[in-house]
Amino acid sequence: SAAFMRYNRLRDIGLTDKQIAENLTFATDKI
């Protein structure tokens, strides 16, 4: 796990919410 990191923090490295949701959130549907 990376329990202190939220998926939506990946915006800081240039990813959009759509890119995060479609490509990285396999274990959840909430970024």
PDB file of all heavy atoms in Angstrom:
ATOM      1  N   SER A   1       0.833  -1.201   0.000  1.00  0.00           N
ATOM      2  CA  SER A   1       0.000   0.000   0.000  1.00  0.00           C
ATOM      3  C   SER A   1       0.869   1.254   0.000  1.00  0.00           C
ATOM      4  O   SER A   1       2.068   1.204   0.294  1.00  0.00           O
ATOM      5  CB  SER A   1      -0.912   0.032   1.231  1.00  0.00           C
ATOM      6  OG  SER A   1      -1.889  -0.981   1.177  1.00  0.00           O
ATOM      7  N   ALA A   2       0.227   2.373  -0.340  1.00  0.00           N
ATOM      8  CA  ALA A   2       0.812   3.707  -0.137  1.00  0.00           C
ATOM      9  C   ALA A   2      -0.309   4.503   0.522  1.00  0.00           C
ATOM     10  O   ALA A   2      -0.922   5.376  -0.082  1.00  0.00           O
ATOM     11  CB  ALA A   2       1.253   4.315  -1.453  1.00  0.00           C
ATOM     12  N   ALA A   3      -0.583   4.152   1.758  1.00  0.00           N
ATOM     13  CA  ALA A   3      -1.797   4.599   2.432  1.00  0.00           C
ATOM     14  C   ALA A   3      -1.836   6.088   2.732  1.00  0.00           C
ATOM     15  O   ALA A   3      -2.881   6.611   3.106  1.00  0.00           O
ATOM     16  CB  ALA A   3      -1.978   3.821   3.745  1.00  0.00           C
ATOM     17  N   PHE A   4      -0.715   6.777   2.559  1.00  0.00           N
ATOM     18  CA  PHE A   4      -0.688   8.217   2.821  1.00  0.00           C
ATOM     19  C   PHE A   4      -0.635   9.035   1.522  1.00  0.00           C
ATOM     20  O   PHE A   4      -0.355  10.226   1.547  1.00  0.00           O
ATOM     21  CB  PHE A   4       0.505   8.565   3.712  1.00  0.00           C
ATOM     22  CG  PHE A   4       0.488   7.843   5.028  1.00  0.00           C
ATOM     23  CD1 PHE A   4       1.248   6.699   5.213  1.00  0.00           C
ATOM     24  CD2 PHE A   4      -0.306   8.286   6.072  1.00  0.00           C
ATOM     25  CE1 PHE A   4       1.226   6.015   6.420  1.00  0.00           C
ATOM     26  CE2 PHE A   4      -0.344   7.613   7.282  1.00  0.00           C
ATOM     27  CZ  PHE A   4       0.426   6.468   7.460  1.00  0.00           C
ATOM     28  N   MET A   5      -0.906   8.365   0.413  1.00  0.00           N
ATOM     29  CA  MET A   5      -0.918   9.027  -0.893  1.00  0.00           C
ATOM     30  C   MET A   5      -2.277   8.800  -1.555  1.00  0.00           C
ATOM     31  O   MET A   5      -2.747   7.665  -1.627  1.00  0.00           O
ATOM     32  CB  MET A   5       0.201   8.460  -1.778  1.00  0.00           C
ATOM     33  CG  MET A   5       0.164   8.921  -3.229  1.00  0.00           C
ATOM     34  SD  MET A   5       0.336  10.693  -3.446  1.00  0.00           S
ATOM     35  CE  MET A   5       1.977  10.958  -2.782  1.00  0.00           C
ATOM     36  N   ARG A   6      -2.885   9.885  -2.025  1.00  0.00           N
ATOM     37  CA  ARG A   6      -4.151   9.782  -2.744  1.00  0.00           C
ATOM     38  C   ARG A   6      -3.899   9.814  -4.245  1.00  0.00           C
ATOM     39  O   ARG A   6      -2.980  10.481  -4.723  1.00  0.00           O
ATOM     40  CB  ARG A   6      -5.094  10.916  -2.341  1.00  0.00           C
ATOM     41  CG  ARG A   6      -5.500  10.866  -0.872  1.00  0.00           C
ATOM     42  CD  ARG A   6      -6.554  11.893  -0.522  1.00  0.00           C
ATOM     43  NE  ARG A   6      -6.844  11.868   0.906  1.00  0.00           N
ATOM     44  CZ  ARG A   6      -7.671  11.006   1.480  1.00  0.00           C
ATOM     45  NH1 ARG A   6      -8.315  10.120   0.734  1.00  0.00           N
ATOM     46  NH2 ARG A   6      -7.881  11.023   2.783  1.00  0.00           N
ATOM     47  N   TYR A   7      -4.738   9.099  -4.975  1.00  0.00           N
ATOM     48  CA  TYR A   7      -4.576   9.047  -6.431  1.00  0.00           C
ATOM     49  C   TYR A   7      -4.608  10.440  -7.052  1.00  0.00           C
ATOM     50  O   TYR A   7      -3.848  10.731  -7.980  1.00  0.00           O
ATOM     51  CB  TYR A   7      -5.662   8.178  -7.056  1.00  0.00           C
ATOM     52  CG  TYR A   7      -5.493   6.699  -6.835  1.00  0.00           C
ATOM     53  CD1 TYR A   7      -6.178   6.040  -5.808  1.00  0.00           C
ATOM     54  CD2 TYR A   7      -4.661   5.946  -7.649  1.00  0.00           C
ATOM     55  CE1 TYR A   7      -6.030   4.675  -5.598  1.00  0.00           C
ATOM     56  CE2 TYR A   7      -4.509   4.576  -7.450  1.00  0.00           C
ATOM     57  CZ  TYR A   7      -5.195   3.955  -6.432  1.00  0.00           C
ATOM     58  OH  TYR A   7      -5.035   2.611  -6.230  1.00  0.00           O
ATOM     59  N   ASN A   8      -5.485  11.291  -6.538  1.00  0.00           N
ATOM     60  CA  ASN A   8      -5.623  12.608  -7.172  1.00  0.00           C
ATOM     61  C   ASN A   8      -4.395  13.494  -6.964  1.00  0.00           C
ATOM     62  O   ASN A   8      -4.262  14.531  -7.605  1.00  0.00           O
ATOM     63  CB  ASN A   8      -6.882  13.333  -6.697  1.00  0.00           C
ATOM     64  CG  ASN A   8      -6.954  13.497  -5.189  1.00  0.00           C
ATOM     65  OD1 ASN A   8      -5.976  13.294  -4.474  1.00  0.00           O
ATOM     66  ND2 ASN A   8      -8.135  13.863  -4.698  1.00  0.00           N
ATOM     67  N   ARG A   9      -3.474  13.092  -6.092  1.00  0.00           N
ATOM     68  CA  ARG A   9      -2.233  13.858  -5.923  1.00  0.00           C
ATOM     69  C   ARG A   9      -1.326  13.692  -7.145  1.00  0.00           C
ATOM     70  O   ARG A   9      -0.390  14.478  -7.343  1.00  0.00           O
ATOM     71  CB  ARG A   9      -1.506  13.394  -4.665  1.00  0.00           C
ATOM     72  CG  ARG A   9      -0.371  14.329  -4.217  1.00  0.00           C
ATOM     73  CD  ARG A   9      -0.926  15.676  -3.821  1.00  0.00           C
ATOM     74  NE  ARG A   9       0.113  16.670  -3.666  1.00  0.00           N
ATOM     75  CZ  ARG A   9       0.681  16.988  -2.501  1.00  0.00           C
ATOM     76  NH1 ARG A   9       0.315  16.370  -1.397  1.00  0.00           N
ATOM     77  NH2 ARG A   9       1.587  17.934  -2.442  1.00  0.00           N
ATOM     78  N   LEU A  10      -1.636  12.709  -7.982  1.00  0.00           N
ATOM     79  CA  LEU A  10      -0.859  12.502  -9.202  1.00  0.00           C
ATOM     80  C   LEU A  10      -1.076  13.621 -10.210  1.00  0.00           C
ATOM     81  O   LEU A  10      -0.383  13.682 -11.229  1.00  0.00           O
ATOM     82  CB  LEU A  10      -1.205  11.147  -9.830  1.00  0.00           C
ATOM     83  CG  LEU A  10      -0.889   9.918  -8.947  1.00  0.00           C
ATOM     84  CD1 LEU A  10      -1.338   8.640  -9.641  1.00  0.00           C
ATOM     85  CD2 LEU A  10       0.591   9.852  -8.625  1.00  0.00           C
ATOM     86  N   ARG A  11      -2.037  14.510  -9.927  1.00  0.00           N
ATOM     87  CA  ARG A  11      -2.172  15.714 -10.754  1.00  0.00           C
ATOM     88  C   ARG A  11      -0.882  16.525 -10.719  1.00  0.00           C
ATOM     89  O   ARG A  11      -0.553  17.228 -11.682  1.00  0.00           O
ATOM     90  CB  ARG A  11      -3.320  16.581 -10.234  1.00  0.00           C
ATOM     91  CG  ARG A  11      -4.694  15.954 -10.268  1.00  0.00           C
ATOM     92  CD  ARG A  11      -5.648  16.786  -9.426  1.00  0.00           C
ATOM     93  NE  ARG A  11      -7.001  16.229  -9.346  1.00  0.00           N
ATOM     94  CZ  ARG A  11      -7.881  16.571  -8.406  1.00  0.00           C
ATOM     95  NH1 ARG A  11      -7.548  17.468  -7.484  1.00  0.00           N
ATOM     96  NH2 ARG A  11      -9.086  16.034  -8.393  1.00  0.00           N
ATOM     97  N   ASP A  12      -0.162  16.430  -9.613  1.00  0.00           N
ATOM     98  CA  ASP A  12       1.061  17.217  -9.442  1.00  0.00           C
ATOM     99  C   ASP A  12       2.164  16.792 -10.405  1.00  0.00           C
ATOM    100  O   ASP A  12       3.144  17.529 -10.581  1.00  0.00           O
ATOM    101  CB  ASP A  12       1.570  17.092  -8.008  1.00  0.00           C
ATOM    102  CG  ASP A  12       0.628  17.747  -7.006  1.00  0.00           C
ATOM    103  OD1 ASP A  12      -0.360  18.374  -7.437  1.00  0.00           O
ATOM    104  OD2 ASP A  12       0.883  17.634  -5.792  1.00  0.00           O
ATOM    105  N   ILE A  13       2.044  15.595 -10.992  1.00  0.00           N
ATOM    106  CA  ILE A  13       3.052  15.173 -11.968  1.00  0.00           C
ATOM    107  C   ILE A  13       2.473  15.194 -13.386  1.00  0.00           C
ATOM    108  O   ILE A  13       2.966  14.492 -14.275  1.00  0.00           O
ATOM    109  CB  ILE A  13       3.627  13.778 -11.625  1.00  0.00           C
ATOM    110  CG1 ILE A  13       2.527  12.711 -11.563  1.00  0.00           C
ATOM    111  CG2 ILE A  13       4.389  13.823 -10.325  1.00  0.00           C
ATOM    112  CD1 ILE A  13       3.073  11.301 -11.370  1.00  0.00           C
ATOM    113  N   GLY A  14       1.435  15.998 -13.565  1.00  0.00           N
ATOM    114  CA  GLY A  14       0.937  16.264 -14.906  1.00  0.00           C
ATOM    115  C   GLY A  14      -0.160  15.363 -15.417  1.00  0.00           C
ATOM    116  O   GLY A  14      -0.523  15.442 -16.595  1.00  0.00           O
ATOM    117  N   LEU A  15      -0.725  14.501 -14.571  1.00  0.00           N
ATOM    118  CA  LEU A  15      -1.794  13.608 -15.008  1.00  0.00           C
ATOM    119  C   LEU A  15      -3.155  14.252 -14.749  1.00  0.00           C
ATOM    120  O   LEU A  15      -3.355  14.916 -13.738  1.00  0.00           O
ATOM    121  CB  LEU A  15      -1.709  12.276 -14.273  1.00  0.00           C
ATOM    122  CG  LEU A  15      -0.463  11.420 -14.563  1.00  0.00           C
ATOM    123  CD1 LEU A  15      -0.427  10.208 -13.651  1.00  0.00           C
ATOM    124  CD2 LEU A  15      -0.425  10.985 -16.023  1.00  0.00           C
ATOM    125  N   THR A  16      -4.074  14.036 -15.676  1.00  0.00           N
ATOM    126  CA  THR A  16      -5.430  14.551 -15.504  1.00  0.00           C
ATOM    127  C   THR A  16      -6.261  13.548 -14.718  1.00  0.00           C
ATOM    128  O   THR A  16      -5.887  12.368 -14.581  1.00  0.00           O
ATOM    129  CB  THR A  16      -6.088  14.803 -16.866  1.00  0.00           C
ATOM    130  OG1 THR A  16      -6.249  13.536 -17.550  1.00  0.00           O
ATOM    131  CG2 THR A  16      -5.234  15.732 -17.723  1.00  0.00           C
ATOM    132  N   ASP A  17      -7.396  13.991 -14.220  1.00  0.00           N
ATOM    133  CA  ASP A  17      -8.291  13.092 -13.492  1.00  0.00           C
ATOM    134  C   ASP A  17      -8.731  11.926 -14.379  1.00  0.00           C
ATOM    135  O   ASP A  17      -8.853  10.790 -13.906  1.00  0.00           O
ATOM    136  CB  ASP A  17      -9.526  13.856 -13.008  1.00  0.00           C
ATOM    137  CG  ASP A  17      -9.197  14.815 -11.868  1.00  0.00           C
ATOM    138  OD1 ASP A  17      -8.052  14.767 -11.371  1.00  0.00           O
ATOM    139  OD2 ASP A  17     -10.075  15.604 -11.481  1.00  0.00           O
ATOM    140  N   LYS A  18      -8.961  12.206 -15.648  1.00  0.00           N
ATOM    141  CA  LYS A  18      -9.389  11.152 -16.577  1.00  0.00           C
ATOM    142  C   LYS A  18      -8.285  10.122 -16.761  1.00  0.00           C
ATOM    143  O   LYS A  18      -8.549   8.911 -16.750  1.00  0.00           O
ATOM    144  CB  LYS A  18      -9.768  11.762 -17.924  1.00  0.00           C
ATOM    145  CG  LYS A  18     -10.268  10.737 -18.935  1.00  0.00           C
ATOM    146  CD  LYS A  18     -10.680  11.407 -20.243  1.00  0.00           C
ATOM    147  CE  LYS A  18     -11.181  10.356 -21.249  1.00  0.00           C
ATOM    148  NZ  LYS A  18     -11.545  10.981 -22.545  1.00  0.00           N
ATOM    149  N   GLN A  19      -7.038  10.570 -16.922  1.00  0.00           N
ATOM    150  CA  GLN A  19      -5.917   9.645 -17.084  1.00  0.00           C
ATOM    151  C   GLN A  19      -5.720   8.804 -15.829  1.00  0.00           C
ATOM    152  O   GLN A  19      -5.451   7.599 -15.913  1.00  0.00           O
ATOM    153  CB  GLN A  19      -4.642  10.433 -17.392  1.00  0.00           C
ATOM    154  CG  GLN A  19      -4.610  11.056 -18.769  1.00  0.00           C
ATOM    155  CD  GLN A  19      -3.410  11.967 -18.967  1.00  0.00           C
ATOM    156  OE1 GLN A  19      -2.992  12.688 -18.052  1.00  0.00           O
ATOM    157  NE2 GLN A  19      -2.840  11.939 -20.157  1.00  0.00           N
ATOM    158  N   ILE A  20      -5.875   9.431 -14.676  1.00  0.00           N
ATOM    159  CA  ILE A  20      -5.724   8.694 -13.414  1.00  0.00           C
ATOM    160  C   ILE A  20      -6.819   7.632 -13.285  1.00  0.00           C
ATOM    161  O   ILE A  20      -6.550   6.467 -12.967  1.00  0.00           O
ATOM    162  CB  ILE A  20      -5.780   9.660 -12.216  1.00  0.00           C
ATOM    163  CG1 ILE A  20      -4.605  10.640 -12.260  1.00  0.00           C
ATOM    164  CG2 ILE A  20      -5.767   8.881 -10.899  1.00  0.00           C
ATOM    165  CD1 ILE A  20      -4.714  11.767 -11.261  1.00  0.00           C
ATOM    166  N   ALA A  21      -8.057   8.031 -13.559  1.00  0.00           N
ATOM    167  CA  ALA A  21      -9.191   7.114 -13.401  1.00  0.00           C
ATOM    168  C   ALA A  21      -9.120   5.948 -14.382  1.00  0.00           C
ATOM    169  O   ALA A  21      -9.441   4.809 -14.036  1.00  0.00           O
ATOM    170  CB  ALA A  21     -10.498   7.883 -13.577  1.00  0.00           C
ATOM    171  N   GLU A  22      -8.707   6.223 -15.613  1.00  0.00           N
ATOM    172  CA  GLU A  22      -8.721   5.189 -16.647  1.00  0.00           C
ATOM    173  C   GLU A  22      -7.502   4.273 -16.607  1.00  0.00           C
ATOM    174  O   GLU A  22      -7.588   3.119 -17.036  1.00  0.00           O
ATOM    175  CB  GLU A  22      -8.813   5.843 -18.029  1.00  0.00           C
ATOM    176  CG  GLU A  22     -10.153   6.515 -18.304  1.00  0.00           C
ATOM    177  CD  GLU A  22     -10.212   7.144 -19.689  1.00  0.00           C
ATOM    178  OE1 GLU A  22      -9.165   7.163 -20.378  1.00  0.00           O
ATOM    179  OE2 GLU A  22     -11.306   7.610 -20.073  1.00  0.00           O
ATOM    180  N   ASN A  23      -6.380   4.747 -16.084  1.00  0.00           N
ATOM    181  CA  ASN A  23      -5.142   3.976 -16.201  1.00  0.00           C
ATOM    182  C   ASN A  23      -4.517   3.533 -14.887  1.00  0.00           C
ATOM    183  O   ASN A  23      -3.685   2.621 -14.890  1.00  0.00           O
ATOM    184  CB  ASN A  23      -4.092   4.805 -16.964  1.00  0.00           C
ATOM    185  CG  ASN A  23      -4.554   5.194 -18.350  1.00  0.00           C
ATOM    186  OD1 ASN A  23      -4.905   4.352 -19.159  1.00  0.00           O
ATOM    187  ND2 ASN A  23      -4.568   6.494 -18.630  1.00  0.00           N
ATOM    188  N   LEU A  24      -4.919   4.139 -13.769  1.00  0.00           N
ATOM    189  CA  LEU A  24      -4.196   3.855 -12.533  1.00  0.00           C
ATOM    190  C   LEU A  24      -5.064   3.402 -11.370  1.00  0.00           C
ATOM    191  O   LEU A  24      -4.535   2.846 -10.402  1.00  0.00           O
ATOM    192  CB  LEU A  24      -3.397   5.098 -12.104  1.00  0.00           C
ATOM    193  CG  LEU A  24      -2.334   5.580 -13.105  1.00  0.00           C
ATOM    194  CD1 LEU A  24      -1.700   6.878 -12.623  1.00  0.00           C
ATOM    195  CD2 LEU A  24      -1.271   4.523 -13.312  1.00  0.00           C
ATOM    196  N   THR A  25      -6.352   3.633 -11.408  1.00  0.00           N
ATOM    197  CA  THR A  25      -7.205   3.278 -10.268  1.00  0.00           C
ATOM    198  C   THR A  25      -7.857   1.912 -10.489  1.00  0.00           C
ATOM    199  O   THR A  25      -9.046   1.807 -10.743  1.00  0.00           O
ATOM    200  CB  THR A  25      -8.299   4.346 -10.055  1.00  0.00           C
ATOM    201  OG1 THR A  25      -9.004   4.540 -11.297  1.00  0.00           O
ATOM    202  CG2 THR A  25      -7.694   5.664  -9.622  1.00  0.00           C
ATOM    203  N   PHE A  26      -7.053   0.866 -10.364  1.00  0.00           N
ATOM    204  CA  PHE A  26      -7.578  -0.489 -10.563  1.00  0.00           C
ATOM    205  C   PHE A  26      -8.296  -1.009  -9.318  1.00  0.00           C
ATOM    206  O   PHE A  26      -9.172  -1.864  -9.415  1.00  0.00           O
ATOM    207  CB  PHE A  26      -6.438  -1.445 -10.924  1.00  0.00           C
ATOM    208  CG  PHE A  26      -5.681  -1.031 -12.159  1.00  0.00           C
ATOM    209  CD1 PHE A  26      -4.299  -0.924 -12.149  1.00  0.00           C
ATOM    210  CD2 PHE A  26      -6.352  -0.732 -13.328  1.00  0.00           C
ATOM    211  CE1 PHE A  26      -3.611  -0.535 -13.277  1.00  0.00           C
ATOM    212  CE2 PHE A  26      -5.668  -0.340 -14.460  1.00  0.00           C
ATOM    213  CZ  PHE A  26      -4.296  -0.242 -14.442  1.00  0.00           C
ATOM    214  N   ALA A  27      -7.901  -0.514  -8.145  1.00  0.00           N
ATOM    215  CA  ALA A  27      -8.470  -1.025  -6.898  1.00  0.00           C
ATOM    216  C   ALA A  27      -9.648  -0.192  -6.400  1.00  0.00           C
ATOM    217  O   ALA A  27     -10.280  -0.552  -5.411  1.00  0.00           O
ATOM    218  CB  ALA A  27      -7.388  -1.075  -5.813  1.00  0.00           C
ATOM    219  N   THR A  28      -9.948   0.905  -7.069  1.00  0.00           N
ATOM    220  CA  THR A  28     -11.040   1.779  -6.645  1.00  0.00           C
ATOM    221  C   THR A  28     -11.563   2.549  -7.843  1.00  0.00           C
ATOM    222  O   THR A  28     -10.914   2.599  -8.889  1.00  0.00           O
ATOM    223  CB  THR A  28     -10.562   2.766  -5.563  1.00  0.00           C
ATOM    224  OG1 THR A  28     -11.643   3.597  -5.163  1.00  0.00           O
ATOM    225  CG2 THR A  28      -9.434   3.638  -6.085  1.00  0.00           C
ATOM    226  N   ASP A  29     -12.752   3.139  -7.699  1.00  0.00           N
ATOM    227  CA  ASP A  29     -13.297   3.968  -8.768  1.00  0.00           C
ATOM    228  C   ASP A  29     -13.339   5.438  -8.353  1.00  0.00           C
ATOM    229  O   ASP A  29     -13.941   6.266  -9.028  1.00  0.00           O
ATOM    230  CB  ASP A  29     -14.704   3.497  -9.163  1.00  0.00           C
ATOM    231  CG  ASP A  29     -15.661   3.482  -7.968  1.00  0.00           C
ATOM    232  OD1 ASP A  29     -15.202   3.747  -6.839  1.00  0.00           O
ATOM    233  OD2 ASP A  29     -16.854   3.204  -8.185  1.00  0.00           O
ATOM    234  N   LYS A  30     -12.665   5.766  -7.231  1.00  0.00           N
ATOM    235  CA  LYS A  30     -12.636   7.139  -6.745  1.00  0.00           C
ATOM    236  C   LYS A  30     -11.183   7.610  -6.680  1.00  0.00           C
ATOM    237  O   LYS A  30     -10.366   7.029  -5.959  1.00  0.00           O
ATOM    238  CB  LYS A  30     -13.262   7.231  -5.349  1.00  0.00           C
ATOM    239  CG  LYS A  30     -14.734   6.815  -5.308  1.00  0.00           C
ATOM    240  CD  LYS A  30     -15.264   6.878  -3.885  1.00  0.00           C
ATOM    241  CE  LYS A  30     -16.730   6.440  -3.827  1.00  0.00           C
ATOM    242  NZ  LYS A  30     -17.235   6.454  -2.433  1.00  0.00           N
ATOM    243  N   ILE A  31     -10.873   8.671  -7.422  1.00  0.00           N
ATOM    244  CA  ILE A  31      -9.486   9.131  -7.447  1.00  0.00           C
ATOM    245  C   ILE A  31      -9.101   9.859  -6.157  1.00  0.00           C
ATOM    246  O   ILE A  31      -7.927  10.162  -5.947  1.00  0.00           O
ATOM    247  CB  ILE A  31      -9.221  10.037  -8.662  1.00  0.00           C
ATOM    248  CG1 ILE A  31     -10.042  11.331  -8.574  1.00  0.00           C
ATOM    249  CG2 ILE A  31      -9.506   9.315  -9.959  1.00  0.00           C
ATOM    250  CD1 ILE A  31      -9.640  12.357  -9.611  1.00  0.00           C
TER     251      ILE A  31
END
